[in-house]
Amino acid sequence: MVDPIKISSNASAARSVTTSTNSARAQTAAPAKAGAVAGAKTDAVSLSATASQMPDELKAGPPFDTEAVNSIKNKLADGNYPVDVDKITDSLFQGYLELAG
């Protein structure tokens, strides 16, 4: 149900448009939220030494070619990245055929 919006005729009240239902909801919801947060419990997480170590594969750097990614980003930003619509269409259709099986 939608409550009608009350607009006062004076200039200062015309700037703030409120509904009686929304202001009542805000007043009743605030204490409930404050009480819920005050009694909230927290969980603690700790990682073992093995879990916190980085795998050897990732120590050398990210698992992708950052130069190629940056090159593509720059070409896209400049509007110079070639888009082969036929190749994209063929790839999407091939993927569909594999899923349809």
C-alpha atoms as a PDB file:
ATOM      1  CA  MET A   1       0.000   0.000   0.000  1.00  0.00           C
ATOM      2  CA  VAL A   2       1.310   3.442  -0.886  1.00  0.00           C
ATOM      3  CA  ASP A   3       0.815   6.375   1.464  1.00  0.00           C
ATOM      4  CA  PRO A   4       0.135   9.804  -0.004  1.00  0.00           C
ATOM      5  CA  ILE A   5       2.995  12.295   0.127  1.00  0.00           C
ATOM      6  CA  LYS A   6       2.319  15.339   2.272  1.00  0.00           C
ATOM      7  CA  ILE A   7       3.793  18.586   0.937  1.00  0.00           C
ATOM      8  CA  SER A   8       3.551  21.770   2.951  1.00  0.00           C
ATOM      9  CA  SER A   9       2.886  25.058   1.189  1.00  0.00           C
ATOM     10  CA  ASN A  10       5.761  27.009   2.792  1.00  0.00           C
ATOM     11  CA  ALA A  11       9.204  27.029   1.108  1.00  0.00           C
ATOM     12  CA  SER A  12      11.228  25.248   3.819  1.00  0.00           C
ATOM     13  CA  ALA A  13       8.786  22.376   4.143  1.00  0.00           C
ATOM     14  CA  ALA A  14       8.532  22.044   0.376  1.00  0.00           C
ATOM     15  CA  ARG A  15      12.214  21.105   0.238  1.00  0.00           C
ATOM     16  CA  SER A  16      11.710  18.085   2.493  1.00  0.00           C
ATOM     17  CA  VAL A  17       9.096  15.617   1.354  1.00  0.00           C
ATOM     18  CA  THR A  18       8.237  12.879   3.851  1.00  0.00           C
ATOM     19  CA  THR A  19       5.522  10.384   4.526  1.00  0.00           C
ATOM     20  CA  SER A  20       4.134   9.643   7.924  1.00  0.00           C
ATOM     21  CA  THR A  21       4.631   5.906   7.490  1.00  0.00           C
ATOM     22  CA  ASN A  22       8.314   6.196   6.504  1.00  0.00           C
ATOM     23  CA  SER A  23       9.179   8.386   9.479  1.00  0.00           C
ATOM     24  CA  ALA A  24       7.359   6.005  11.841  1.00  0.00           C
ATOM     25  CA  ARG A  25       9.255   3.032  10.367  1.00  0.00           C
ATOM     26  CA  ALA A  26      12.590   4.803  10.788  1.00  0.00           C
ATOM     27  CA  GLN A  27      11.850   5.592  14.428  1.00  0.00           C
ATOM     28  CA  THR A  28      10.832   2.025  15.291  1.00  0.00           C
ATOM     29  CA  ALA A  29      13.573   0.314  13.250  1.00  0.00           C
ATOM     30  CA  ALA A  30      16.505   2.204  14.762  1.00  0.00           C
ATOM     31  CA  PRO A  31      16.278   0.734  18.283  1.00  0.00           C
ATOM     32  CA  ALA A  32      15.857  -2.789  16.935  1.00  0.00           C
ATOM     33  CA  LYS A  33      18.994  -2.508  14.817  1.00  0.00           C
ATOM     34  CA  ALA A  34      21.013  -1.023  17.667  1.00  0.00           C
ATOM     35  CA  GLY A  35      20.002  -3.852  19.995  1.00  0.00           C
ATOM     36  CA  ALA A  36      20.883  -6.490  17.426  1.00  0.00           C
ATOM     37  CA  VAL A  37      24.360  -5.070  16.885  1.00  0.00           C
ATOM     38  CA  ALA A  38      25.086  -4.619  20.577  1.00  0.00           C
ATOM     39  CA  GLY A  39      24.445  -8.304  21.328  1.00  0.00           C
ATOM     40  CA  ALA A  40      26.175  -9.657  18.227  1.00  0.00           C
ATOM     41  CA  LYS A  41      28.866 -12.286  18.607  1.00  0.00           C
ATOM     42  CA  THR A  42      31.970 -12.390  16.467  1.00  0.00           C
ATOM     43  CA  ASP A  43      33.879 -15.320  15.012  1.00  0.00           C
ATOM     44  CA  ALA A  44      37.641 -15.598  14.842  1.00  0.00           C
ATOM     45  CA  VAL A  45      39.566 -17.169  11.984  1.00  0.00           C
ATOM     46  CA  SER A  46      43.181 -18.274  12.074  1.00  0.00           C
ATOM     47  CA  LEU A  47      45.219 -19.894   9.318  1.00  0.00           C
ATOM     48  CA  SER A  48      47.873 -22.510   9.828  1.00  0.00           C
ATOM     49  CA  ALA A  49      51.419 -21.822   8.628  1.00  0.00           C
ATOM     50  CA  THR A  50      50.870 -24.200   5.698  1.00  0.00           C
ATOM     51  CA  ALA A  51      47.667 -22.470   4.622  1.00  0.00           C
ATOM     52  CA  SER A  52      49.194 -19.001   4.827  1.00  0.00           C
ATOM     53  CA  GLN A  53      52.157 -19.859   2.567  1.00  0.00           C
ATOM     54  CA  MET A  54      51.907 -18.887  -1.086  1.00  0.00           C
ATOM     55  CA  PRO A  55      52.161 -21.778  -3.564  1.00  0.00           C
ATOM     56  CA  ASP A  56      55.414 -21.924  -5.547  1.00  0.00           C
ATOM     57  CA  GLU A  57      53.526 -21.399  -8.830  1.00  0.00           C
ATOM     58  CA  LEU A  58      52.310 -17.982  -7.652  1.00  0.00           C
ATOM     59  CA  LYS A  59      55.613 -16.729  -6.228  1.00  0.00           C
ATOM     60  CA  ALA A  60      56.901 -15.925  -9.715  1.00  0.00           C
ATOM     61  CA  GLY A  61      53.923 -13.670 -10.432  1.00  0.00           C
ATOM     62  CA  PRO A  62      50.332 -13.844 -11.599  1.00  0.00           C
ATOM     63  CA  PRO A  63      49.325 -16.886 -13.672  1.00  0.00           C
ATOM     64  CA  PHE A  64      48.718 -14.790 -16.808  1.00  0.00           C
ATOM     65  CA  ASP A  65      50.690 -12.551 -19.134  1.00  0.00           C
ATOM     66  CA  THR A  66      50.354  -9.053 -17.656  1.00  0.00           C
ATOM     67  CA  GLU A  67      51.991  -7.456 -20.706  1.00  0.00           C
ATOM     68  CA  ALA A  68      49.371  -8.990 -23.007  1.00  0.00           C
ATOM     69  CA  VAL A  69      46.575  -7.861 -20.695  1.00  0.00           C
ATOM     70  CA  ASN A  70      47.927  -4.308 -20.546  1.00  0.00           C
ATOM     71  CA  SER A  71      48.328  -4.251 -24.329  1.00  0.00           C
ATOM     72  CA  ILE A  72      44.703  -5.301 -24.818  1.00  0.00           C
ATOM     73  CA  LYS A  73      43.533  -2.729 -22.246  1.00  0.00           C
ATOM     74  CA  ASN A  74      45.410   0.047 -24.045  1.00  0.00           C
ATOM     75  CA  LYS A  75      44.057  -0.987 -27.458  1.00  0.00           C
ATOM     76  CA  LEU A  76      40.505  -1.087 -26.078  1.00  0.00           C
ATOM     77  CA  ALA A  77      40.922   2.342 -24.492  1.00  0.00           C
ATOM     78  CA  ASP A  78      42.221   3.742 -27.798  1.00  0.00           C
ATOM     79  CA  GLY A  79      39.497   2.013 -29.813  1.00  0.00           C
ATOM     80  CA  ASN A  80      42.076   0.052 -31.834  1.00  0.00           C
ATOM     81  CA  TYR A  81      41.292  -3.515 -30.727  1.00  0.00           C
ATOM     82  CA  PRO A  82      40.140  -5.618 -33.697  1.00  0.00           C
ATOM     83  CA  VAL A  83      36.899  -7.526 -33.185  1.00  0.00           C
ATOM     84  CA  ASP A  84      36.318 -10.507 -35.493  1.00  0.00           C
ATOM     85  CA  VAL A  85      32.558 -11.031 -35.285  1.00  0.00           C
ATOM     86  CA  ASP A  86      32.676 -14.208 -37.415  1.00  0.00           C
ATOM     87  CA  LYS A  87      35.276 -15.802 -35.134  1.00  0.00           C
ATOM     88  CA  ILE A  88      33.248 -14.906 -32.023  1.00  0.00           C
ATOM     89  CA  THR A  89      30.073 -16.311 -33.604  1.00  0.00           C
ATOM     90  CA  ASP A  90      31.807 -19.546 -34.601  1.00  0.00           C
ATOM     91  CA  SER A  91      33.238 -19.955 -31.099  1.00  0.00           C
ATOM     92  CA  LEU A  92      29.876 -19.357 -29.433  1.00  0.00           C
ATOM     93  CA  PHE A  93      28.167 -21.799 -31.800  1.00  0.00           C
ATOM     94  CA  GLN A  94      30.859 -24.434 -31.191  1.00  0.00           C
ATOM     95  CA  GLY A  95      30.384 -24.021 -27.432  1.00  0.00           C
ATOM     96  CA  TYR A  96      26.644 -24.433 -27.858  1.00  0.00           C
ATOM     97  CA  LEU A  97      27.122 -27.620 -29.887  1.00  0.00           C
ATOM     98  CA  GLU A  98      29.420 -29.048 -27.194  1.00  0.00           C
ATOM     99  CA  LEU A  99      26.862 -28.298 -24.479  1.00  0.00           C
ATOM    100  CA  ALA A 100      23.969 -29.676 -26.532  1.00  0.00           C
ATOM    101  CA  GLY A 101      26.095 -32.711 -27.110  1.00  0.00           C
END
